[in-house]
Amino acid sequence: MKGHCQAVRREQIKSTLSSYEIAAIKYLYEDAKLIGYHVDHIIPLSKGGMHVLSNLQIVKPAYNLWKNNKVLS
């Protein structure tokens, strides 16, 4: 259920983004996949973070799995 709520929140945020921002996020995910990395929300959605380009980063899978939903400073 938690994943479903995050997906709904992501879609709500996505509806406020420009087509440029949506394309940029899509390319970020594609780039990460090409090199075998993950896209991480710097501030997790579960902690109030937004699904916007400025809150995303490409990271190694081990780091993303370790970080989980932590907010690091």
Protein backbone atom coordinates (compact mmCIF):
# COMPACT_ATOMS: atom_id res chain seq x y z
CA MET A 1 0.00 0.00 0.00
CA LYS A 2 2.87 2.35 0.81
CA GLY A 3 4.24 2.02 -2.75
CA HIS A 4 0.78 2.72 -4.15
CA CYS A 5 0.47 5.93 -2.12
CA GLN A 6 3.88 7.08 -3.34
CA ALA A 7 2.88 6.32 -6.94
CA VAL A 8 -0.29 8.40 -6.53
CA ARG A 9 1.72 11.25 -5.00
CA ARG A 10 4.26 11.03 -7.83
CA GLU A 11 1.45 11.27 -10.41
CA GLN A 12 -0.07 14.28 -8.63
CA ILE A 13 3.27 16.07 -8.68
CA LYS A 14 3.88 15.01 -12.27
CA SER A 15 0.66 16.75 -13.33
CA THR A 16 2.19 20.08 -12.22
CA LEU A 17 5.44 19.64 -14.18
CA SER A 18 6.18 21.10 -17.59
CA SER A 19 6.74 18.76 -20.54
CA TYR A 20 10.45 19.74 -20.38
CA GLU A 21 10.69 18.64 -16.72
CA ILE A 22 8.88 15.36 -17.43
CA ALA A 23 11.25 14.62 -20.34
CA ALA A 24 14.32 15.52 -18.24
CA ILE A 25 13.22 13.13 -15.47
CA LYS A 26 12.54 10.39 -18.03
CA TYR A 27 16.04 10.82 -19.50
CA LEU A 28 17.58 10.75 -16.03
CA TYR A 29 15.94 7.38 -15.35
CA GLU A 30 17.02 6.08 -18.76
CA ASP A 31 20.62 7.21 -18.20
CA ALA A 32 20.72 5.55 -14.78
CA LYS A 33 19.36 2.31 -16.21
CA LEU A 34 21.95 2.31 -19.01
CA ILE A 35 24.82 2.36 -16.53
CA GLY A 36 23.18 0.03 -14.00
CA TYR A 37 22.54 2.70 -11.36
CA HIS A 38 19.43 3.84 -9.49
CA VAL A 39 17.64 7.18 -9.32
CA ASP A 40 17.35 8.32 -5.72
CA HIS A 41 15.07 10.96 -4.24
CA ILE A 42 17.40 13.15 -2.18
CA ILE A 43 14.49 13.87 0.15
CA PRO A 44 12.34 10.71 -0.02
CA LEU A 45 8.71 10.99 -1.13
CA SER A 46 7.76 9.41 2.20
CA LYS A 47 9.42 12.34 3.98
CA GLY A 48 7.71 15.05 1.90
CA GLY A 49 10.20 15.17 -0.98
CA MET A 50 9.00 16.01 -4.45
CA HIS A 51 9.35 13.98 -7.66
CA VAL A 52 11.16 16.83 -9.42
CA LEU A 53 14.52 16.97 -11.17
CA SER A 54 16.18 19.00 -8.42
CA ASN A 55 15.34 16.25 -5.88
CA LEU A 56 16.74 13.38 -7.94
CA GLN A 57 20.24 11.99 -8.22
CA ILE A 58 21.84 9.00 -9.91
CA VAL A 59 23.49 6.71 -7.35
CA LYS A 60 24.97 3.24 -7.06
CA PRO A 61 22.35 0.60 -6.25
CA ALA A 62 24.00 -0.38 -2.95
CA TYR A 63 23.88 3.22 -1.74
CA ASN A 64 20.24 3.62 -2.72
CA LEU A 65 19.24 0.41 -0.98
CA TRP A 66 21.19 1.40 2.13
CA LYS A 67 19.75 4.92 2.19
CA ASN A 68 16.17 3.62 1.81
CA ASN A 69 13.97 6.50 3.07
CA LYS A 70 16.57 8.34 5.13
CA VAL A 71 17.15 12.06 4.80
CA LEU A 72 20.88 12.71 4.88
CA SER A 73 22.45 16.12 5.40
